[in-house]
PDB file of N, CA and C in Angstrom:
ATOM      1  N   MET A   1     112.844  96.064 111.730  1.00  0.00           N
ATOM      2  CA  MET A   1     114.193  95.735 111.313  1.00  0.00           C
ATOM      3  C   MET A   1     114.860  94.900 112.405  1.00  0.00           C
ATOM      4  N   ARG A   2     115.732  94.043 112.010  1.00  0.00           N
ATOM      5  CA  ARG A   2     116.347  93.102 112.942  1.00  0.00           C
ATOM      6  C   ARG A   2     117.862  93.059 112.797  1.00  0.00           C
ATOM      7  N   TRP A   3     118.465  94.152 112.486  1.00  0.00           N
ATOM      8  CA  TRP A   3     119.885  94.157 112.132  1.00  0.00           C
ATOM      9  C   TRP A   3     120.751  94.752 113.227  1.00  0.00           C
ATOM     10  N   GLU A   4     121.935  94.149 113.422  1.00  0.00           N
ATOM     11  CA  GLU A   4     122.908  94.714 114.339  1.00  0.00           C
ATOM     12  C   GLU A   4     123.765  95.730 113.604  1.00  0.00           C
ATOM     13  N   LYS A   5     124.319  96.652 114.347  1.00  0.00           N
ATOM     14  CA  LYS A   5     125.246  97.640 113.797  1.00  0.00           C
ATOM     15  C   LYS A   5     126.577  96.942 113.503  1.00  0.00           C
ATOM     16  N   ALA A   6     127.170  97.232 112.353  1.00  0.00           N
ATOM     17  CA  ALA A   6     128.454  96.656 111.975  1.00  0.00           C
ATOM     18  C   ALA A   6     129.589  97.401 112.681  1.00  0.00           C
ATOM     19  N   VAL A   7     130.593  96.635 113.115  1.00  0.00           N
ATOM     20  CA  VAL A   7     131.750  97.201 113.792  1.00  0.00           C
ATOM     21  C   VAL A   7     133.012  96.687 113.115  1.00  0.00           C
ATOM     22  N   ALA A   8     133.892  97.613 112.717  1.00  0.00           N
ATOM     23  CA  ALA A   8     135.191  97.249 112.131  1.00  0.00           C
ATOM     24  C   ALA A   8     136.084  98.482 112.139  1.00  0.00           C
ATOM     25  N   ASP A   9     137.376  98.259 112.268  1.00  0.00           N
ATOM     26  CA  ASP A   9     138.331  99.367 112.281  1.00  0.00           C
ATOM     27  C   ASP A   9     138.284 100.176 110.990  1.00  0.00           C
ATOM     28  N   GLY A  10     138.038  99.543 109.857  1.00  0.00           N
ATOM     29  CA  GLY A  10     138.075 100.214 108.570  1.00  0.00           C
ATOM     30  C   GLY A  10     136.819 100.954 108.166  1.00  0.00           C
ATOM     31  N   LEU A  11     135.755 100.857 108.952  1.00  0.00           N
ATOM     32  CA  LEU A  11     134.528 101.584 108.618  1.00  0.00           C
ATOM     33  C   LEU A  11     134.698 103.050 108.990  1.00  0.00           C
ATOM     34  N   GLY A  12     134.300 103.904 108.092  1.00  0.00           N
ATOM     35  CA  GLY A  12     134.423 105.330 108.342  1.00  0.00           C
ATOM     36  C   GLY A  12     133.500 105.801 109.450  1.00  0.00           C
ATOM     37  N   ALA A  13     133.907 106.841 110.132  1.00  0.00           N
ATOM     38  CA  ALA A  13     133.074 107.425 111.185  1.00  0.00           C
ATOM     39  C   ALA A  13     131.963 108.257 110.553  1.00  0.00           C
ATOM     40  N   GLY A  14     130.877 108.374 111.237  1.00  0.00           N
ATOM     41  CA  GLY A  14     129.795 109.231 110.773  1.00  0.00           C
ATOM     42  C   GLY A  14     128.698 108.528 110.006  1.00  0.00           C
ATOM     43  N   VAL A  15     128.895 107.258 109.647  1.00  0.00           N
ATOM     44  CA  VAL A  15     127.860 106.488 108.952  1.00  0.00           C
ATOM     45  C   VAL A  15     127.690 105.163 109.676  1.00  0.00           C
ATOM     46  N   SER A  16     126.470 104.842 110.002  1.00  0.00           N
ATOM     47  CA  SER A  16     126.139 103.602 110.694  1.00  0.00           C
ATOM     48  C   SER A  16     125.686 102.571 109.665  1.00  0.00           C
ATOM     49  N   HIS A  17     126.365 101.418 109.649  1.00  0.00           N
ATOM     50  CA  HIS A  17     126.050 100.357 108.688  1.00  0.00           C
ATOM     51  C   HIS A  17     125.446  99.153 109.400  1.00  0.00           C
ATOM     52  N   ALA A  18     124.601  98.439 108.688  1.00  0.00           N
ATOM     53  CA  ALA A  18     124.012  97.205 109.203  1.00  0.00           C
ATOM     54  C   ALA A  18     124.936  96.044 108.878  1.00  0.00           C
ATOM     55  N   PHE A  19     125.151  95.183 109.850  1.00  0.00           N
ATOM     56  CA  PHE A  19     125.983  94.001 109.640  1.00  0.00           C
ATOM     57  C   PHE A  19     125.183  92.955 108.878  1.00  0.00           C
ATOM     58  N   GLY A  20     125.768  92.460 107.817  1.00  0.00           N
ATOM     59  CA  GLY A  20     125.138  91.398 107.043  1.00  0.00           C
ATOM     60  C   GLY A  20     125.660  90.053 107.495  1.00  0.00           C
ATOM     61  N   ILE A  21     126.664  89.558 106.807  1.00  0.00           N
ATOM     62  CA  ILE A  21     127.285  88.280 107.134  1.00  0.00           C
ATOM     63  C   ILE A  21     128.576  88.174 106.333  1.00  0.00           C
ATOM     64  N   PHE A  22     129.446  87.311 106.747  1.00  0.00           N
ATOM     65  CA  PHE A  22     130.722  87.090 106.069  1.00  0.00           C
ATOM     66  C   PHE A  22     131.546  88.375 105.948  1.00  0.00           C
ATOM     67  N   ASP A  23     131.669  89.093 107.061  1.00  0.00           N
ATOM     68  CA  ASP A  23     132.477  90.319 107.120  1.00  0.00           C
ATOM     69  C   ASP A  23     132.017  91.398 106.148  1.00  0.00           C
ATOM     70  N   LYS A  24     130.715  91.479 105.886  1.00  0.00           N
ATOM     71  CA  LYS A  24     130.173  92.499 104.980  1.00  0.00           C
ATOM     72  C   LYS A  24     129.012  93.230 105.629  1.00  0.00           C
ATOM     73  N   THR A  25     128.864  94.496 105.243  1.00  0.00           N
ATOM     74  CA  THR A  25     127.672  95.247 105.608  1.00  0.00           C
ATOM     75  C   THR A  25     126.583  94.894 104.601  1.00  0.00           C
ATOM     76  N   LEU A  26     125.358  95.291 104.876  1.00  0.00           N
ATOM     77  CA  LEU A  26     124.285  95.023 103.917  1.00  0.00           C
ATOM     78  C   LEU A  26     124.498  95.756 102.599  1.00  0.00           C
ATOM     79  N   CYS A  27     125.229  96.869 102.645  1.00  0.00           N
ATOM     80  CA  CYS A  27     125.481  97.616 101.406  1.00  0.00           C
ATOM     81  C   CYS A  27     126.714  97.108 100.664  1.00  0.00           C
ATOM     82  N   GLY A  28     127.386  96.092 101.205  1.00  0.00           N
ATOM     83  CA  GLY A  28     128.474  95.445 100.487  1.00  0.00           C
ATOM     84  C   GLY A  28     129.890  95.815 100.893  1.00  0.00           C
ATOM     85  N   ILE A  29     130.064  96.670 101.892  1.00  0.00           N
ATOM     86  CA  ILE A  29     131.412  96.995 102.353  1.00  0.00           C
ATOM     87  C   ILE A  29     131.974  95.785 103.090  1.00  0.00           C
ATOM     88  N   GLN A  30     133.184  95.398 102.740  1.00  0.00           N
ATOM     89  CA  GLN A  30     133.809  94.252 103.377  1.00  0.00           C
ATOM     90  C   GLN A  30     135.083  94.679 104.090  1.00  0.00           C
ATOM     91  N   GLU A  31     135.187  94.299 105.340  1.00  0.00           N
ATOM     92  CA  GLU A  31     136.367  94.585 106.156  1.00  0.00           C
ATOM     93  C   GLU A  31     136.721  93.327 106.933  1.00  0.00           C
ATOM     94  N   ALA A  32     137.998  92.989 106.942  1.00  0.00           N
ATOM     95  CA  ALA A  32     138.432  91.836 107.728  1.00  0.00           C
ATOM     96  C   ALA A  32     138.123  92.090 109.199  1.00  0.00           C
ATOM     97  N   GLY A  33     137.624  91.090 109.868  1.00  0.00           N
ATOM     98  CA  GLY A  33     137.337  91.206 111.288  1.00  0.00           C
ATOM     99  C   GLY A  33     136.066  91.942 111.627  1.00  0.00           C
ATOM    100  N   MET A  34     135.258  92.269 110.634  1.00  0.00           N
ATOM    101  CA  MET A  34     133.991  92.944 110.918  1.00  0.00           C
ATOM    102  C   MET A  34     133.110  92.010 111.736  1.00  0.00           C
ATOM    103  N   SER A  35     132.357  92.592 112.651  1.00  0.00           N
ATOM    104  CA  SER A  35     131.458  91.797 113.472  1.00  0.00           C
ATOM    105  C   SER A  35     130.216  92.616 113.809  1.00  0.00           C
ATOM    106  N   PRO A  36     129.169  91.940 114.272  1.00  0.00           N
ATOM    107  CA  PRO A  36     127.990  92.671 114.719  1.00  0.00           C
ATOM    108  C   PRO A  36     128.266  93.238 116.108  1.00  0.00           C
ATOM    109  N   SER A  37     127.775  94.424 116.377  1.00  0.00           N
ATOM    110  CA  SER A  37     127.943  94.992 117.710  1.00  0.00           C
ATOM    111  C   SER A  37     126.844  94.461 118.620  1.00  0.00           C
ATOM    112  N   ASP A  38     126.879  94.870 119.854  1.00  0.00           N
ATOM    113  CA  ASP A  38     125.830  94.488 120.799  1.00  0.00           C
ATOM    114  C   ASP A  38     124.605  95.395 120.680  1.00  0.00           C
ATOM    115  N   TYR A  39     124.631  96.303 119.714  1.00  0.00           N
ATOM    116  CA  TYR A  39     123.561  97.279 119.548  1.00  0.00           C
ATOM    117  C   TYR A  39     122.862  97.079 118.215  1.00  0.00           C
ATOM    118  N   TRP A  40     121.559  97.343 118.191  1.00  0.00           N
ATOM    119  CA  TRP A  40     120.785  97.231 116.958  1.00  0.00           C
ATOM    120  C   TRP A  40     121.096  98.398 116.039  1.00  0.00           C
ATOM    121  N   TRP A  41     121.136  98.123 114.764  1.00  0.00           N
ATOM    122  CA  TRP A  41     121.260  99.169 113.748  1.00  0.00           C
ATOM    123  C   TRP A  41     119.861  99.710 113.508  1.00  0.00           C
ATOM    124  N   ARG A  42     119.726 101.005 113.563  1.00  0.00           N
ATOM    125  CA  ARG A  42     118.416 101.634 113.415  1.00  0.00           C
ATOM    126  C   ARG A  42     118.382 102.486 112.151  1.00  0.00           C
ATOM    127  N   PRO A  43     117.576 102.126 111.163  1.00  0.00           N
ATOM    128  CA  PRO A  43     117.529 102.862 109.901  1.00  0.00           C
ATOM    129  C   PRO A  43     116.968 104.270 110.046  1.00  0.00           C
ATOM    130  N   GLU A  44     116.233 104.531 111.127  1.00  0.00           N
ATOM    131  CA  GLU A  44     115.647 105.861 111.304  1.00  0.00           C
ATOM    132  C   GLU A  44     116.657 106.881 111.841  1.00  0.00           C
ATOM    133  N   ARG A  45     117.815 106.437 112.255  1.00  0.00           N
ATOM    134  CA  ARG A  45     118.822 107.376 112.764  1.00  0.00           C
ATOM    135  C   ARG A  45     119.419 108.187 111.618  1.00  0.00           C
ATOM    136  N   GLU A  46     119.793 109.390 111.936  1.00  0.00           N
ATOM    137  CA  GLU A  46     120.313 110.327 110.936  1.00  0.00           C
ATOM    138  C   GLU A  46     121.567 109.811 110.228  1.00  0.00           C
ATOM    139  N   ASP A  47     122.396 109.041 110.934  1.00  0.00           N
ATOM    140  CA  ASP A  47     123.651 108.573 110.354  1.00  0.00           C
ATOM    141  C   ASP A  47     123.548 107.202 109.672  1.00  0.00           C
ATOM    142  N   ALA A  48     122.347 106.665 109.541  1.00  0.00           N
ATOM    143  CA  ALA A  48     122.170 105.335 108.942  1.00  0.00           C
ATOM    144  C   ALA A  48     122.484 105.350 107.451  1.00  0.00           C
ATOM    145  N   CYS A  49     123.185 104.344 107.004  1.00  0.00           N
ATOM    146  CA  CYS A  49     123.528 104.199 105.586  1.00  0.00           C
ATOM    147  C   CYS A  49     122.258 103.938 104.768  1.00  0.00           C
ATOM    148  N   GLY A  50     122.044 104.744 103.747  1.00  0.00           N
ATOM    149  CA  GLY A  50     120.864 104.595 102.901  1.00  0.00           C
ATOM    150  C   GLY A  50     120.839 103.293 102.121  1.00  0.00           C
ATOM    151  N   ALA A  51     122.000 102.856 101.651  1.00  0.00           N
ATOM    152  CA  ALA A  51     122.066 101.599 100.897  1.00  0.00           C
ATOM    153  C   ALA A  51     121.804 100.398 101.808  1.00  0.00           C
ATOM    154  N   CYS A  52     122.270 100.466 103.055  1.00  0.00           N
ATOM    155  CA  CYS A  52     121.952  99.411 104.023  1.00  0.00           C
ATOM    156  C   CYS A  52     120.455  99.390 104.293  1.00  0.00           C
ATOM    157  N   TRP A  53     119.841 100.578 104.394  1.00  0.00           N
ATOM    158  CA  TRP A  53     118.406 100.658 104.636  1.00  0.00           C
ATOM    159  C   TRP A  53     117.630 100.008 103.494  1.00  0.00           C
ATOM    160  N   GLU A  54     118.026 100.277 102.259  1.00  0.00           N
ATOM    161  CA  GLU A  54     117.336  99.682 101.109  1.00  0.00           C
ATOM    162  C   GLU A  54     117.452  98.162 101.126  1.00  0.00           C
ATOM    163  N   ALA A  55     118.656  97.651 101.380  1.00  0.00           N
ATOM    164  CA  ALA A  55     118.862  96.199 101.421  1.00  0.00           C
ATOM    165  C   ALA A  55     118.078  95.574 102.572  1.00  0.00           C
ATOM    166  N   ALA A  56     118.117  96.196 103.747  1.00  0.00           N
ATOM    167  CA  ALA A  56     117.392  95.673 104.902  1.00  0.00           C
ATOM    168  C   ALA A  56     115.892  95.650 104.651  1.00  0.00           C
ATOM    169  N   SER A  57     115.382  96.696 104.036  1.00  0.00           N
ATOM    170  CA  SER A  57     113.946  96.757 103.736  1.00  0.00           C
ATOM    171  C   SER A  57     113.526  95.640 102.791  1.00  0.00           C
ATOM    172  N   LEU A  58     114.331  95.408 101.778  1.00  0.00           N
ATOM    173  CA  LEU A  58     114.028  94.347 100.816  1.00  0.00           C
ATOM    174  C   LEU A  58     114.071  92.972 101.477  1.00  0.00           C
ATOM    175  N   ILE A  59     115.121  92.718 102.244  1.00  0.00           N
ATOM    176  CA  ILE A  59     115.254  91.423 102.913  1.00  0.00           C
ATOM    177  C   ILE A  59     114.136  91.226 103.926  1.00  0.00           C
ATOM    178  N   ASP A  60     113.894  92.238 104.752  1.00  0.00           N
ATOM    179  CA  ASP A  60     112.871  92.109 105.787  1.00  0.00           C
ATOM    180  C   ASP A  60     111.474  91.950 105.213  1.00  0.00           C
ATOM    181  N   SER A  61     111.222  92.517 104.042  1.00  0.00           N
ATOM    182  CA  SER A  61     109.894  92.385 103.431  1.00  0.00           C
ATOM    183  C   SER A  61     109.598  90.948 103.016  1.00  0.00           C
ATOM    184  N   ARG A  62     110.627  90.138 102.908  1.00  0.00           N
ATOM    185  CA  ARG A  62     110.453  88.734 102.520  1.00  0.00           C
ATOM    186  C   ARG A  62     110.202  87.822 103.710  1.00  0.00           C
ATOM    187  N   TRP A  63     110.395  88.337 104.928  1.00  0.00           N
ATOM    188  CA  TRP A  63     110.173  87.541 106.132  1.00  0.00           C
ATOM    189  C   TRP A  63     108.697  87.564 106.495  1.00  0.00           C
ATOM    190  N   PRO A  64     108.209  86.511 107.161  1.00  0.00           N
ATOM    191  CA  PRO A  64     106.819  86.525 107.632  1.00  0.00           C
ATOM    192  C   PRO A  64     106.596  87.686 108.597  1.00  0.00           C
ATOM    193  N   ARG A  65     105.417  88.258 108.598  1.00  0.00           N
ATOM    194  CA  ARG A  65     105.104  89.405 109.471  1.00  0.00           C
ATOM    195  C   ARG A  65     105.429  89.116 110.935  1.00  0.00           C
ATOM    196  N   SER A  66     105.194  87.896 111.384  1.00  0.00           N
ATOM    197  CA  SER A  66     105.438  87.549 112.788  1.00  0.00           C
ATOM    198  C   SER A  66     106.911  87.634 113.163  1.00  0.00           C
ATOM    199  N   MET A  67     107.799  87.623 112.177  1.00  0.00           N
ATOM    200  CA  MET A  67     109.236  87.695 112.427  1.00  0.00           C
ATOM    201  C   MET A  67     109.796  89.102 112.246  1.00  0.00           C
ATOM    202  N   ARG A  68     108.942  90.100 112.038  1.00  0.00           N
ATOM    203  CA  ARG A  68     109.405  91.460 111.767  1.00  0.00           C
ATOM    204  C   ARG A  68     109.387  92.381 112.978  1.00  0.00           C
ATOM    205  N   SER A  69     108.790  91.978 114.078  1.00  0.00           N
ATOM    206  CA  SER A  69     108.710  92.861 115.243  1.00  0.00           C
ATOM    207  C   SER A  69     110.017  92.833 116.033  1.00  0.00           C
ATOM    208  N   GLU A  70     110.195  93.821 116.896  1.00  0.00           N
ATOM    209  CA  GLU A  70     111.394  93.861 117.730  1.00  0.00           C
ATOM    210  C   GLU A  70     111.457  92.665 118.660  1.00  0.00           C
ATOM    211  N   ALA A  71     110.328  92.125 119.056  1.00  0.00           N
ATOM    212  CA  ALA A  71     110.303  90.963 119.943  1.00  0.00           C
ATOM    213  C   ALA A  71     110.874  89.730 119.246  1.00  0.00           C
ATOM    214  N   ALA A  72     110.890  89.723 117.934  1.00  0.00           N
ATOM    215  CA  ALA A  72     111.382  88.571 117.179  1.00  0.00           C
ATOM    216  C   ALA A  72     112.839  88.729 116.763  1.00  0.00           C
ATOM    217  N   GLN A  73     113.502  89.800 117.180  1.00  0.00           N
ATOM    218  CA  GLN A  73     114.872  90.047 116.749  1.00  0.00           C
ATOM    219  C   GLN A  73     115.818  89.027 117.367  1.00  0.00           C
ATOM    220  N   VAL A  74     116.581  88.365 116.508  1.00  0.00           N
ATOM    221  CA  VAL A  74     117.566  87.378 116.925  1.00  0.00           C
ATOM    222  C   VAL A  74     118.787  87.577 116.050  1.00  0.00           C
ATOM    223  N   SER A  75     119.965  87.467 116.634  1.00  0.00           N
ATOM    224  CA  SER A  75     121.190  87.619 115.875  1.00  0.00           C
ATOM    225  C   SER A  75     121.460  86.365 115.059  1.00  0.00           C
ATOM    226  N   VAL A  76     121.310  86.448 113.759  1.00  0.00           N
ATOM    227  CA  VAL A  76     121.598  85.331 112.872  1.00  0.00           C
ATOM    228  C   VAL A  76     123.094  85.072 112.845  1.00  0.00           C
ATOM    229  N   ALA A  77     123.892  86.112 112.750  1.00  0.00           N
ATOM    230  CA  ALA A  77     125.344  85.981 112.640  1.00  0.00           C
ATOM    231  C   ALA A  77     125.943  85.298 113.862  1.00  0.00           C
ATOM    232  N   ARG A  78     125.422  85.547 115.009  1.00  0.00           N
ATOM    233  CA  ARG A  78     125.994  84.955 116.240  1.00  0.00           C
ATOM    234  C   ARG A  78     125.659  83.476 116.370  1.00  0.00           C
ATOM    235  N   ARG A  79     124.733  82.998 115.577  1.00  0.00           N
ATOM    236  CA  ARG A  79     124.395  81.576 115.601  1.00  0.00           C
ATOM    237  C   ARG A  79     125.296  80.767 114.674  1.00  0.00           C
ATOM    238  N   LEU A  80     125.992  81.404 113.758  1.00  0.00           N
ATOM    239  CA  LEU A  80     126.827  80.684 112.791  1.00  0.00           C
ATOM    240  C   LEU A  80     128.113  80.213 113.396  1.00  0.00           C
TER     241      LEU A  80
END
């Protein structure tokens, strides 16, 4: 997985969401001012959003295998 943790004032505590793009999480929650954190979102953590995990799995399965390792992780959002 190559996703950063989403950060926003309006996100509820206790659930970790993956940052998608355009102020949205992978599961579709939209908050003004949302941004990727400096930390990776980890789907194996107990507090990880299940819907974000499903979306991340689907998206990542479409990437070439060489781009799926942790060594290949690059912030797409920070390049925009």
